[in-house]
Amino acid sequence: MKIIKTNIEYQPWHGVLLIAILFVALILGIVQKLEQQKSSTEDLIVQNLTQDSCEDSGGMWDSCGSACRGQAATNEDVACIELCVEHCYCLNDGQCPADHHCSEKVDNIGVCKLDN
């Protein structure tokens, strides 16, 4: 069996490339972790949006609304999954519980979303 030996010489830019790759990977990991924390925090707060809090604010509760809202609902190129999503429907911010606003409107009817 013939073994082929190759001499690979270290170049200064190899180290720079390695450091750059590790730096980008570190930054992407941090960003991903922050997004996960933000998402889980918002999910906990959104769960506080109940039928009672919706109706007490003047909104209309739907325990099985469409998962597609806003631009996704009006774009024919977007596939929408059939999944029940609880919504508090509103016409304006005044019909949403505290810390929520009326957004993602379709035909002038929006859903209450947590303020960002």
PDB file of N, CA and C in Angstrom:
ATOM      1  N   MET A   1       0.843  -1.164   0.000  1.00  0.00           N
ATOM      2  CA  MET A   1       0.000   0.000   0.000  1.00  0.00           C
ATOM      3  C   MET A   1       0.897   1.238   0.000  1.00  0.00           C
ATOM      4  N   LYS A   2       0.529   2.164  -0.831  1.00  0.00           N
ATOM      5  CA  LYS A   2       1.328   3.376  -0.983  1.00  0.00           C
ATOM      6  C   LYS A   2       0.717   4.504  -0.155  1.00  0.00           C
ATOM      7  N   ILE A   3       1.505   5.119   0.696  1.00  0.00           N
ATOM      8  CA  ILE A   3       1.038   6.233   1.515  1.00  0.00           C
ATOM      9  C   ILE A   3       1.564   7.515   0.900  1.00  0.00           C
ATOM     10  N   ILE A   4       0.622   8.445   0.703  1.00  0.00           N
ATOM     11  CA  ILE A   4       0.993   9.723   0.107  1.00  0.00           C
ATOM     12  C   ILE A   4       1.178  10.733   1.232  1.00  0.00           C
ATOM     13  N   LYS A   5       2.350  11.319   1.277  1.00  0.00           N
ATOM     14  CA  LYS A   5       2.604  12.334   2.287  1.00  0.00           C
ATOM     15  C   LYS A   5       2.511  13.702   1.639  1.00  0.00           C
ATOM     16  N   THR A   6       1.843  14.583   2.319  1.00  0.00           N
ATOM     17  CA  THR A   6       1.788  15.958   1.844  1.00  0.00           C
ATOM     18  C   THR A   6       2.263  16.860   2.964  1.00  0.00           C
ATOM     19  N   ASN A   7       2.943  17.851   2.591  1.00  0.00           N
ATOM     20  CA  ASN A   7       3.401  18.823   3.576  1.00  0.00           C
ATOM     21  C   ASN A   7       2.446  20.002   3.566  1.00  0.00           C
ATOM     22  N   ILE A   8       1.771  20.175   4.689  1.00  0.00           N
ATOM     23  CA  ILE A   8       0.860  21.307   4.815  1.00  0.00           C
ATOM     24  C   ILE A   8       1.564  22.321   5.681  1.00  0.00           C
ATOM     25  N   GLU A   9       1.733  23.457   5.131  1.00  0.00           N
ATOM     26  CA  GLU A   9       2.425  24.509   5.865  1.00  0.00           C
ATOM     27  C   GLU A   9       1.401  25.445   6.488  1.00  0.00           C
ATOM     28  N   TYR A  10       1.683  25.809   7.711  1.00  0.00           N
ATOM     29  CA  TYR A  10       0.840  26.766   8.410  1.00  0.00           C
ATOM     30  C   TYR A  10       1.061  28.150   7.818  1.00  0.00           C
ATOM     31  N   GLN A  11      -0.049  28.806   7.537  1.00  0.00           N
ATOM     32  CA  GLN A  11      -0.001  30.174   7.046  1.00  0.00           C
ATOM     33  C   GLN A  11      -0.599  31.074   8.115  1.00  0.00           C
ATOM     34  N   PRO A  12      -0.116  32.300   8.248  1.00  0.00           N
ATOM     35  CA  PRO A  12      -0.660  33.192   9.287  1.00  0.00           C
ATOM     36  C   PRO A  12      -2.165  33.413   9.171  1.00  0.00           C
ATOM     37  N   TRP A  13      -2.706  33.416   7.981  1.00  0.00           N
ATOM     38  CA  TRP A  13      -4.134  33.663   7.826  1.00  0.00           C
ATOM     39  C   TRP A  13      -4.972  32.489   8.311  1.00  0.00           C
ATOM     40  N   HIS A  14      -4.373  31.279   8.464  1.00  0.00           N
ATOM     41  CA  HIS A  14      -5.109  30.132   8.998  1.00  0.00           C
ATOM     42  C   HIS A  14      -5.595  30.426  10.423  1.00  0.00           C
ATOM     43  N   GLY A  15      -4.721  31.013  11.216  1.00  0.00           N
ATOM     44  CA  GLY A  15      -5.092  31.358  12.588  1.00  0.00           C
ATOM     45  C   GLY A  15      -6.178  32.414  12.636  1.00  0.00           C
ATOM     46  N   VAL A  16      -6.074  33.417  11.776  1.00  0.00           N
ATOM     47  CA  VAL A  16      -7.084  34.478  11.715  1.00  0.00           C
ATOM     48  C   VAL A  16      -8.426  33.892  11.300  1.00  0.00           C
ATOM     49  N   LEU A  17      -8.414  33.001  10.320  1.00  0.00           N
ATOM     50  CA  LEU A  17      -9.643  32.357   9.860  1.00  0.00           C
ATOM     51  C   LEU A  17     -10.280  31.535  10.981  1.00  0.00           C
ATOM     52  N   LEU A  18      -9.471  30.778  11.693  1.00  0.00           N
ATOM     53  CA  LEU A  18      -9.977  29.967  12.791  1.00  0.00           C
ATOM     54  C   LEU A  18     -10.602  30.839  13.883  1.00  0.00           C
ATOM     55  N   ILE A  19      -9.953  31.915  14.245  1.00  0.00           N
ATOM     56  CA  ILE A  19     -10.478  32.822  15.265  1.00  0.00           C
ATOM     57  C   ILE A  19     -11.785  33.466  14.785  1.00  0.00           C
ATOM     58  N   ALA A  20     -11.838  33.857  13.512  1.00  0.00           N
ATOM     59  CA  ALA A  20     -13.052  34.471  12.967  1.00  0.00           C
ATOM     60  C   ALA A  20     -14.220  33.491  13.008  1.00  0.00           C
ATOM     61  N   ILE A  21     -13.976  32.236  12.648  1.00  0.00           N
ATOM     62  CA  ILE A  21     -15.037  31.220  12.658  1.00  0.00           C
ATOM     63  C   ILE A  21     -15.533  30.990  14.087  1.00  0.00           C
ATOM     64  N   LEU A  22     -14.624  30.886  15.024  1.00  0.00           N
ATOM     65  CA  LEU A  22     -15.018  30.687  16.425  1.00  0.00           C
ATOM     66  C   LEU A  22     -15.787  31.889  16.963  1.00  0.00           C
ATOM     67  N   PHE A  23     -15.384  33.094  16.588  1.00  0.00           N
ATOM     68  CA  PHE A  23     -16.069  34.305  17.025  1.00  0.00           C
ATOM     69  C   PHE A  23     -17.493  34.351  16.488  1.00  0.00           C
ATOM     70  N   VAL A  24     -17.665  34.061  15.201  1.00  0.00           N
ATOM     71  CA  VAL A  24     -19.008  34.067  14.595  1.00  0.00           C
ATOM     72  C   VAL A  24     -19.892  33.007  15.246  1.00  0.00           C
ATOM     73  N   ALA A  25     -19.331  31.823  15.492  1.00  0.00           N
ATOM     74  CA  ALA A  25     -20.105  30.758  16.134  1.00  0.00           C
ATOM     75  C   ALA A  25     -20.533  31.171  17.540  1.00  0.00           C
ATOM     76  N   LEU A  26     -19.646  31.825  18.265  1.00  0.00           N
ATOM     77  CA  LEU A  26     -19.962  32.293  19.611  1.00  0.00           C
ATOM     78  C   LEU A  26     -21.077  33.331  19.578  1.00  0.00           C
ATOM     79  N   ILE A  27     -20.969  34.289  18.686  1.00  0.00           N
ATOM     80  CA  ILE A  27     -21.991  35.342  18.570  1.00  0.00           C
ATOM     81  C   ILE A  27     -23.339  34.743  18.187  1.00  0.00           C
ATOM     82  N   LEU A  28     -23.352  33.828  17.216  1.00  0.00           N
ATOM     83  CA  LEU A  28     -24.619  33.204  16.807  1.00  0.00           C
ATOM     84  C   LEU A  28     -25.236  32.410  17.951  1.00  0.00           C
ATOM     85  N   GLY A  29     -24.422  31.741  18.741  1.00  0.00           N
ATOM     86  CA  GLY A  29     -24.924  31.000  19.893  1.00  0.00           C
ATOM     87  C   GLY A  29     -25.553  31.918  20.922  1.00  0.00           C
ATOM     88  N   ILE A  30     -24.917  33.055  21.174  1.00  0.00           N
ATOM     89  CA  ILE A  30     -25.445  34.022  22.139  1.00  0.00           C
ATOM     90  C   ILE A  30     -26.769  34.594  21.638  1.00  0.00           C
ATOM     91  N   VAL A  31     -26.833  34.965  20.363  1.00  0.00           N
ATOM     92  CA  VAL A  31     -28.063  35.522  19.791  1.00  0.00           C
ATOM     93  C   VAL A  31     -29.194  34.505  19.870  1.00  0.00           C
ATOM     94  N   GLN A  32     -28.894  33.256  19.540  1.00  0.00           N
ATOM     95  CA  GLN A  32     -29.918  32.216  19.599  1.00  0.00           C
ATOM     96  C   GLN A  32     -30.432  32.036  21.028  1.00  0.00           C
ATOM     97  N   LYS A  33     -29.546  32.042  21.994  1.00  0.00           N
ATOM     98  CA  LYS A  33     -29.941  31.881  23.386  1.00  0.00           C
ATOM     99  C   LYS A  33     -30.826  33.047  23.849  1.00  0.00           C
ATOM    100  N   LEU A  34     -30.467  34.280  23.449  1.00  0.00           N
ATOM    101  CA  LEU A  34     -31.265  35.441  23.815  1.00  0.00           C
ATOM    102  C   LEU A  34     -32.650  35.379  23.197  1.00  0.00           C
ATOM    103  N   GLU A  35     -32.740  34.946  21.945  1.00  0.00           N
ATOM    104  CA  GLU A  35     -34.045  34.824  21.285  1.00  0.00           C
ATOM    105  C   GLU A  35     -34.911  33.778  21.974  1.00  0.00           C
ATOM    106  N   GLN A  36     -34.301  32.671  22.408  1.00  0.00           N
ATOM    107  CA  GLN A  36     -35.062  31.642  23.111  1.00  0.00           C
ATOM    108  C   GLN A  36     -35.599  32.170  24.433  1.00  0.00           C
ATOM    109  N   GLN A  37     -34.772  32.929  25.156  1.00  0.00           N
ATOM    110  CA  GLN A  37     -35.211  33.489  26.421  1.00  0.00           C
ATOM    111  C   GLN A  37     -36.333  34.496  26.206  1.00  0.00           C
ATOM    112  N   LYS A  38     -36.201  35.350  25.177  1.00  0.00           N
ATOM    113  CA  LYS A  38     -37.227  36.343  24.881  1.00  0.00           C
ATOM    114  C   LYS A  38     -38.535  35.657  24.520  1.00  0.00           C
ATOM    115  N   SER A  39     -38.448  34.617  23.691  1.00  0.00           N
ATOM    116  CA  SER A  39     -39.640  33.898  23.256  1.00  0.00           C
ATOM    117  C   SER A  39     -40.337  33.230  24.429  1.00  0.00           C
ATOM    118  N   SER A  40     -39.575  32.590  25.315  1.00  0.00           N
ATOM    119  CA  SER A  40     -40.197  31.907  26.444  1.00  0.00           C
ATOM    120  C   SER A  40     -40.824  32.915  27.410  1.00  0.00           C
ATOM    121  N   THR A  41     -40.214  34.078  27.576  1.00  0.00           N
ATOM    122  CA  THR A  41     -40.779  35.122  28.430  1.00  0.00           C
ATOM    123  C   THR A  41     -42.085  35.637  27.847  1.00  0.00           C
ATOM    124  N   GLU A  42     -42.102  35.895  26.532  1.00  0.00           N
ATOM    125  CA  GLU A  42     -43.326  36.373  25.884  1.00  0.00           C
ATOM    126  C   GLU A  42     -44.420  35.329  25.966  1.00  0.00           C
ATOM    127  N   ASP A  43     -44.073  34.042  25.792  1.00  0.00           N
ATOM    128  CA  ASP A  43     -45.069  32.984  25.870  1.00  0.00           C
ATOM    129  C   ASP A  43     -45.723  32.951  27.250  1.00  0.00           C
ATOM    130  N   LEU A  44     -44.931  33.134  28.299  1.00  0.00           N
ATOM    131  CA  LEU A  44     -45.491  33.134  29.644  1.00  0.00           C
ATOM    132  C   LEU A  44     -46.444  34.301  29.848  1.00  0.00           C
ATOM    133  N   ILE A  45     -46.088  35.461  29.339  1.00  0.00           N
ATOM    134  CA  ILE A  45     -46.923  36.640  29.512  1.00  0.00           C
ATOM    135  C   ILE A  45     -48.182  36.532  28.657  1.00  0.00           C
ATOM    136  N   VAL A  46     -48.047  36.022  27.425  1.00  0.00           N
ATOM    137  CA  VAL A  46     -49.202  35.899  26.546  1.00  0.00           C
ATOM    138  C   VAL A  46     -50.212  34.920  27.133  1.00  0.00           C
ATOM    139  N   GLN A  47     -49.749  33.928  27.876  1.00  0.00           N
ATOM    140  CA  GLN A  47     -50.666  32.984  28.484  1.00  0.00           C
ATOM    141  C   GLN A  47     -51.595  33.678  29.474  1.00  0.00           C
ATOM    142  N   ASN A  48     -51.207  34.836  29.962  1.00  0.00           N
ATOM    143  CA  ASN A  48     -52.056  35.587  30.867  1.00  0.00           C
ATOM    144  C   ASN A  48     -53.251  36.212  30.153  1.00  0.00           C
ATOM    145  N   LEU A  49     -53.242  36.195  28.836  1.00  0.00           N
ATOM    146  CA  LEU A  49     -54.367  36.690  28.049  1.00  0.00           C
ATOM    147  C   LEU A  49     -55.437  35.596  28.075  1.00  0.00           C
ATOM    148  N   THR A  50     -56.482  35.827  28.841  1.00  0.00           N
ATOM    149  CA  THR A  50     -57.526  34.819  29.020  1.00  0.00           C
ATOM    150  C   THR A  50     -58.836  35.327  28.441  1.00  0.00           C
ATOM    151  N   GLN A  51     -59.801  34.456  28.388  1.00  0.00           N
ATOM    152  CA  GLN A  51     -61.118  34.856  27.910  1.00  0.00           C
ATOM    153  C   GLN A  51     -61.674  35.975  28.778  1.00  0.00           C
ATOM    154  N   ASP A  52     -61.501  35.853  30.086  1.00  0.00           N
ATOM    155  CA  ASP A  52     -62.013  36.889  30.992  1.00  0.00           C
ATOM    156  C   ASP A  52     -61.324  38.232  30.763  1.00  0.00           C
ATOM    157  N   SER A  53     -59.978  38.227  30.679  1.00  0.00           N
ATOM    158  CA  SER A  53     -59.270  39.501  30.494  1.00  0.00           C
ATOM    159  C   SER A  53     -59.590  40.113  29.141  1.00  0.00           C
ATOM    160  N   CYS A  54     -59.802  39.274  28.134  1.00  0.00           N
ATOM    161  CA  CYS A  54     -60.165  39.762  26.800  1.00  0.00           C
ATOM    162  C   CYS A  54     -61.541  40.415  26.818  1.00  0.00           C
ATOM    163  N   GLU A  55     -62.521  39.691  27.315  1.00  0.00           N
ATOM    164  CA  GLU A  55     -63.896  40.187  27.301  1.00  0.00           C
ATOM    165  C   GLU A  55     -64.084  41.363  28.247  1.00  0.00           C
ATOM    166  N   ASP A  56     -63.348  41.384  29.366  1.00  0.00           N
ATOM    167  CA  ASP A  56     -63.434  42.522  30.292  1.00  0.00           C
ATOM    168  C   ASP A  56     -62.928  43.808  29.646  1.00  0.00           C
ATOM    169  N   SER A  57     -62.021  43.666  28.664  1.00  0.00           N
ATOM    170  CA  SER A  57     -61.471  44.841  27.974  1.00  0.00           C
ATOM    171  C   SER A  57     -62.315  45.257  26.776  1.00  0.00           C
ATOM    172  N   GLY A  58     -63.302  44.448  26.416  1.00  0.00           N
ATOM    173  CA  GLY A  58     -64.157  44.776  25.280  1.00  0.00           C
ATOM    174  C   GLY A  58     -63.826  44.002  24.021  1.00  0.00           C
ATOM    175  N   GLY A  59     -62.872  43.067  24.124  1.00  0.00           N
ATOM    176  CA  GLY A  59     -62.517  42.245  22.971  1.00  0.00           C
ATOM    177  C   GLY A  59     -63.452  41.056  22.825  1.00  0.00           C
ATOM    178  N   MET A  60     -63.287  40.326  21.718  1.00  0.00           N
ATOM    179  CA  MET A  60     -64.101  39.133  21.472  1.00  0.00           C
ATOM    180  C   MET A  60     -63.172  37.918  21.476  1.00  0.00           C
ATOM    181  N   TRP A  61     -63.411  36.961  22.353  1.00  0.00           N
ATOM    182  CA  TRP A  61     -62.562  35.788  22.533  1.00  0.00           C
ATOM    183  C   TRP A  61     -62.918  34.708  21.523  1.00  0.00           C
ATOM    184  N   ASP A  62     -61.901  34.059  20.975  1.00  0.00           N
ATOM    185  CA  ASP A  62     -62.087  32.912  20.092  1.00  0.00           C
ATOM    186  C   ASP A  62     -61.078  31.854  20.523  1.00  0.00           C
ATOM    187  N   SER A  63     -61.578  30.731  21.010  1.00  0.00           N
ATOM    188  CA  SER A  63     -60.688  29.676  21.504  1.00  0.00           C
ATOM    189  C   SER A  63     -60.091  28.840  20.379  1.00  0.00           C
ATOM    190  N   CYS A  64     -60.582  29.024  19.153  1.00  0.00           N
ATOM    191  CA  CYS A  64     -60.059  28.238  18.038  1.00  0.00           C
ATOM    192  C   CYS A  64     -59.961  29.111  16.786  1.00  0.00           C
ATOM    193  N   GLY A  65     -59.123  30.148  16.872  1.00  0.00           N
ATOM    194  CA  GLY A  65     -58.929  31.042  15.737  1.00  0.00           C
ATOM    195  C   GLY A  65     -57.841  30.525  14.801  1.00  0.00           C
ATOM    196  N   SER A  66     -57.679  31.183  13.682  1.00  0.00           N
ATOM    197  CA  SER A  66     -56.687  30.801  12.677  1.00  0.00           C
ATOM    198  C   SER A  66     -55.278  31.137  13.137  1.00  0.00           C
ATOM    199  N   ALA A  67     -54.329  30.290  12.781  1.00  0.00           N
ATOM    200  CA  ALA A  67     -52.921  30.535  13.105  1.00  0.00           C
ATOM    201  C   ALA A  67     -52.335  31.609  12.194  1.00  0.00           C
ATOM    202  N   CYS A  68     -52.958  31.859  11.044  1.00  0.00           N
ATOM    203  CA  CYS A  68     -52.456  32.871  10.105  1.00  0.00           C
ATOM    204  C   CYS A  68     -53.140  34.204  10.377  1.00  0.00           C
ATOM    205  N   ARG A  69     -52.324  35.214  10.610  1.00  0.00           N
ATOM    206  CA  ARG A  69     -52.834  36.556  10.858  1.00  0.00           C
ATOM    207  C   ARG A  69     -51.999  37.541  10.069  1.00  0.00           C
ATOM    208  N   GLY A  70     -52.459  38.757   9.960  1.00  0.00           N
ATOM    209  CA  GLY A  70     -51.690  39.825   9.324  1.00  0.00           C
ATOM    210  C   GLY A  70     -51.363  39.522   7.875  1.00  0.00           C
ATOM    211  N   GLN A  71     -50.122  39.769   7.469  1.00  0.00           N
ATOM    212  CA  GLN A  71     -49.707  39.580   6.079  1.00  0.00           C
ATOM    213  C   GLN A  71     -49.780  38.120   5.664  1.00  0.00           C
ATOM    214  N   ALA A  72     -49.537  37.198   6.585  1.00  0.00           N
ATOM    215  CA  ALA A  72     -49.590  35.774   6.240  1.00  0.00           C
ATOM    216  C   ALA A  72     -50.990  35.358   5.813  1.00  0.00           C
ATOM    217  N   ALA A  73     -52.003  35.991   6.377  1.00  0.00           N
ATOM    218  CA  ALA A  73     -53.382  35.625   6.051  1.00  0.00           C
ATOM    219  C   ALA A  73     -53.798  36.123   4.678  1.00  0.00           C
ATOM    220  N   THR A  74     -53.194  37.199   4.212  1.00  0.00           N
ATOM    221  CA  THR A  74     -53.592  37.776   2.929  1.00  0.00           C
ATOM    222  C   THR A  74     -52.655  37.407   1.789  1.00  0.00           C
ATOM    223  N   ASN A  75     -51.555  36.732   2.084  1.00  0.00           N
ATOM    224  CA  ASN A  75     -50.588  36.344   1.060  1.00  0.00           C
ATOM    225  C   ASN A  75     -50.911  34.936   0.574  1.00  0.00           C
ATOM    226  N   GLU A  76     -51.265  34.798  -0.691  1.00  0.00           N
ATOM    227  CA  GLU A  76     -51.641  33.499  -1.249  1.00  0.00           C
ATOM    228  C   GLU A  76     -50.465  32.538  -1.345  1.00  0.00           C
ATOM    229  N   ASP A  77     -49.235  33.057  -1.302  1.00  0.00           N
ATOM    230  CA  ASP A  77     -48.045  32.219  -1.406  1.00  0.00           C
ATOM    231  C   ASP A  77     -47.649  31.600  -0.066  1.00  0.00           C
ATOM    232  N   VAL A  78     -48.317  31.987   1.001  1.00  0.00           N
ATOM    233  CA  VAL A  78     -47.993  31.474   2.330  1.00  0.00           C
ATOM    234  C   VAL A  78     -48.954  30.348   2.673  1.00  0.00           C
ATOM    235  N   ALA A  79     -48.392  29.198   3.032  1.00  0.00           N
ATOM    236  CA  ALA A  79     -49.216  28.072   3.468  1.00  0.00           C
ATOM    237  C   ALA A  79     -49.511  28.240   4.952  1.00  0.00           C
ATOM    238  N   CYS A  80     -50.751  28.066   5.317  1.00  0.00           N
ATOM    239  CA  CYS A  80     -51.146  28.236   6.714  1.00  0.00           C
ATOM    240  C   CYS A  80     -51.575  26.887   7.282  1.00  0.00           C
ATOM    241  N   ILE A  81     -51.012  26.545   8.435  1.00  0.00           N
ATOM    242  CA  ILE A  81     -51.388  25.277   9.052  1.00  0.00           C
ATOM    243  C   ILE A  81     -52.759  25.401   9.693  1.00  0.00           C
ATOM    244  N   GLU A  82     -53.461  24.294   9.735  1.00  0.00           N
ATOM    245  CA  GLU A  82     -54.760  24.276  10.391  1.00  0.00           C
ATOM    246  C   GLU A  82     -54.536  23.908  11.841  1.00  0.00           C
ATOM    247  N   LEU A  83     -54.591  24.923  12.681  1.00  0.00           N
ATOM    248  CA  LEU A  83     -54.288  24.756  14.086  1.00  0.00           C
ATOM    249  C   LEU A  83     -55.111  25.769  14.866  1.00  0.00           C
ATOM    250  N   CYS A  84     -55.743  25.326  15.911  1.00  0.00           N
ATOM    251  CA  CYS A  84     -56.510  26.258  16.735  1.00  0.00           C
ATOM    252  C   CYS A  84     -55.570  27.116  17.565  1.00  0.00           C
ATOM    253  N   VAL A  85     -55.767  28.420  17.492  1.00  0.00           N
ATOM    254  CA  VAL A  85     -54.993  29.371  18.281  1.00  0.00           C
ATOM    255  C   VAL A  85     -55.981  30.293  18.982  1.00  0.00           C
ATOM    256  N   GLU A  86     -55.796  30.460  20.286  1.00  0.00           N
ATOM    257  CA  GLU A  86     -56.670  31.359  21.026  1.00  0.00           C
ATOM    258  C   GLU A  86     -56.351  32.795  20.656  1.00  0.00           C
ATOM    259  N   HIS A  87     -57.392  33.572  20.368  1.00  0.00           N
ATOM    260  CA  HIS A  87     -57.228  34.977  20.014  1.00  0.00           C
ATOM    261  C   HIS A  87     -58.230  35.827  20.778  1.00  0.00           C
ATOM    262  N   CYS A  88     -57.789  37.040  21.033  1.00  0.00           N
ATOM    263  CA  CYS A  88     -58.691  38.069  21.540  1.00  0.00           C
ATOM    264  C   CYS A  88     -58.816  39.068  20.398  1.00  0.00           C
ATOM    265  N   TYR A  89     -59.935  39.052  19.694  1.00  0.00           N
ATOM    266  CA  TYR A  89     -60.136  39.924  18.531  1.00  0.00           C
ATOM    267  C   TYR A  89     -60.474  41.344  19.000  1.00  0.00           C
ATOM    268  N   CYS A  90     -60.004  42.304  18.234  1.00  0.00           N
ATOM    269  CA  CYS A  90     -60.201  43.704  18.614  1.00  0.00           C
ATOM    270  C   CYS A  90     -60.320  44.582  17.369  1.00  0.00           C
ATOM    271  N   LEU A  91     -60.884  45.754  17.578  1.00  0.00           N
ATOM    272  CA  LEU A  91     -60.942  46.760  16.525  1.00  0.00           C
ATOM    273  C   LEU A  91     -59.914  47.853  16.770  1.00  0.00           C
ATOM    274  N   ASN A  92     -59.544  48.033  18.050  1.00  0.00           N
ATOM    275  CA  ASN A  92     -58.555  49.058  18.413  1.00  0.00           C
ATOM    276  C   ASN A  92     -57.874  48.653  19.711  1.00  0.00           C
ATOM    277  N   ASP A  93     -56.843  49.416  20.093  1.00  0.00           N
ATOM    278  CA  ASP A  93     -56.064  49.101  21.294  1.00  0.00           C
ATOM    279  C   ASP A  93     -56.908  49.133  22.565  1.00  0.00           C
ATOM    280  N   GLY A  94     -57.968  49.922  22.571  1.00  0.00           N
ATOM    281  CA  GLY A  94     -58.826  50.033  23.745  1.00  0.00           C
ATOM    282  C   GLY A  94     -59.565  48.748  24.075  1.00  0.00           C
ATOM    283  N   GLN A  95     -59.644  47.821  23.133  1.00  0.00           N
ATOM    284  CA  GLN A  95     -60.336  46.559  23.369  1.00  0.00           C
ATOM    285  C   GLN A  95     -59.381  45.444  23.783  1.00  0.00           C
ATOM    286  N   CYS A  96     -58.136  45.808  24.089  1.00  0.00           N
ATOM    287  CA  CYS A  96     -57.135  44.828  24.507  1.00  0.00           C
ATOM    288  C   CYS A  96     -56.796  45.023  25.977  1.00  0.00           C
ATOM    289  N   PRO A  97     -56.465  43.935  26.669  1.00  0.00           N
ATOM    290  CA  PRO A  97     -56.045  44.050  28.069  1.00  0.00           C
ATOM    291  C   PRO A  97     -54.763  44.878  28.191  1.00  0.00           C
ATOM    292  N   ALA A  98     -54.438  45.264  29.416  1.00  0.00           N
ATOM    293  CA  ALA A  98     -53.231  46.052  29.681  1.00  0.00           C
ATOM    294  C   ALA A  98     -51.999  45.344  29.111  1.00  0.00           C
ATOM    295  N   ASP A  99     -51.052  46.126  28.638  1.00  0.00           N
ATOM    296  CA  ASP A  99     -49.797  45.647  28.045  1.00  0.00           C
ATOM    297  C   ASP A  99     -49.987  44.929  26.714  1.00  0.00           C
ATOM    298  N   HIS A 100     -51.148  45.040  26.098  1.00  0.00           N
ATOM    299  CA  HIS A 100     -51.406  44.449  24.793  1.00  0.00           C
ATOM    300  C   HIS A 100     -51.877  45.547  23.838  1.00  0.00           C
ATOM    301  N   HIS A 101     -51.685  45.302  22.547  1.00  0.00           N
ATOM    302  CA  HIS A 101     -52.177  46.240  21.536  1.00  0.00           C
ATOM    303  C   HIS A 101     -52.835  45.456  20.406  1.00  0.00           C
ATOM    304  N   CYS A 102     -53.682  46.130  19.667  1.00  0.00           N
ATOM    305  CA  CYS A 102     -54.432  45.515  18.574  1.00  0.00           C
ATOM    306  C   CYS A 102     -53.576  45.555  17.308  1.00  0.00           C
ATOM    307  N   SER A 103     -53.208  44.393  16.793  1.00  0.00           N
ATOM    308  CA  SER A 103     -52.340  44.345  15.614  1.00  0.00           C
ATOM    309  C   SER A 103     -52.727  43.174  14.723  1.00  0.00           C
ATOM    310  N   GLU A 104     -51.936  42.964  13.675  1.00  0.00           N
ATOM    311  CA  GLU A 104     -52.151  41.883  12.702  1.00  0.00           C
ATOM    312  C   GLU A 104     -53.581  41.892  12.176  1.00  0.00           C
ATOM    313  N   LYS A 105     -54.019  43.051  11.720  1.00  0.00           N
ATOM    314  CA  LYS A 105     -55.408  43.205  11.290  1.00  0.00           C
ATOM    315  C   LYS A 105     -55.656  42.549   9.930  1.00  0.00           C
ATOM    316  N   VAL A 106     -56.816  41.923   9.841  1.00  0.00           N
ATOM    317  CA  VAL A 106     -57.336  41.358   8.602  1.00  0.00           C
ATOM    318  C   VAL A 106     -58.760  41.870   8.491  1.00  0.00           C
ATOM    319  N   ASP A 107     -59.053  42.600   7.430  1.00  0.00           N
ATOM    320  CA  ASP A 107     -60.376  43.211   7.250  1.00  0.00           C
ATOM    321  C   ASP A 107     -60.758  44.066   8.459  1.00  0.00           C
ATOM    322  N   ASN A 108     -59.816  44.859   8.954  1.00  0.00           N
ATOM    323  CA  ASN A 108     -59.981  45.793  10.069  1.00  0.00           C
ATOM    324  C   ASN A 108     -60.235  45.137  11.416  1.00  0.00           C
ATOM    325  N   ILE A 109     -60.083  43.816  11.510  1.00  0.00           N
ATOM    326  CA  ILE A 109     -60.214  43.130  12.792  1.00  0.00           C
ATOM    327  C   ILE A 109     -58.837  42.582  13.149  1.00  0.00           C
ATOM    328  N   GLY A 110     -58.342  43.013  14.313  1.00  0.00           N
ATOM    329  CA  GLY A 110     -57.013  42.593  14.736  1.00  0.00           C
ATOM    330  C   GLY A 110     -57.088  41.620  15.892  1.00  0.00           C
ATOM    331  N   VAL A 111     -55.921  41.253  16.387  1.00  0.00           N
ATOM    332  CA  VAL A 111     -55.810  40.414  17.565  1.00  0.00           C
ATOM    333  C   VAL A 111     -54.941  41.135  18.583  1.00  0.00           C
ATOM    334  N   CYS A 112     -55.246  40.939  19.846  1.00  0.00           N
ATOM    335  CA  CYS A 112     -54.467  41.578  20.911  1.00  0.00           C
ATOM    336  C   CYS A 112     -53.133  40.861  21.046  1.00  0.00           C
ATOM    337  N   LYS A 113     -52.058  41.624  20.954  1.00  0.00           N
ATOM    338  CA  LYS A 113     -50.697  41.106  21.077  1.00  0.00           C
ATOM    339  C   LYS A 113     -49.977  41.847  22.174  1.00  0.00           C
ATOM    340  N   LEU A 114     -49.039  41.187  22.778  1.00  0.00           N
ATOM    341  CA  LEU A 114     -48.241  41.777  23.832  1.00  0.00           C
ATOM    342  C   LEU A 114     -47.418  42.931  23.289  1.00  0.00           C
ATOM    343  N   ASP A 115     -47.381  44.047  24.037  1.00  0.00           N
ATOM    344  CA  ASP A 115     -46.563  45.196  23.639  1.00  0.00           C
ATOM    345  C   ASP A 115     -45.093  44.803  23.619  1.00  0.00           C
ATOM    346  N   ASN A 116     -44.370  45.307  22.637  1.00  0.00           N
ATOM    347  CA  ASN A 116     -42.936  45.017  22.572  1.00  0.00           C
ATOM    348  C   ASN A 116     -42.144  46.130  23.169  1.00  0.00           C
TER     349      ASN A 116
END
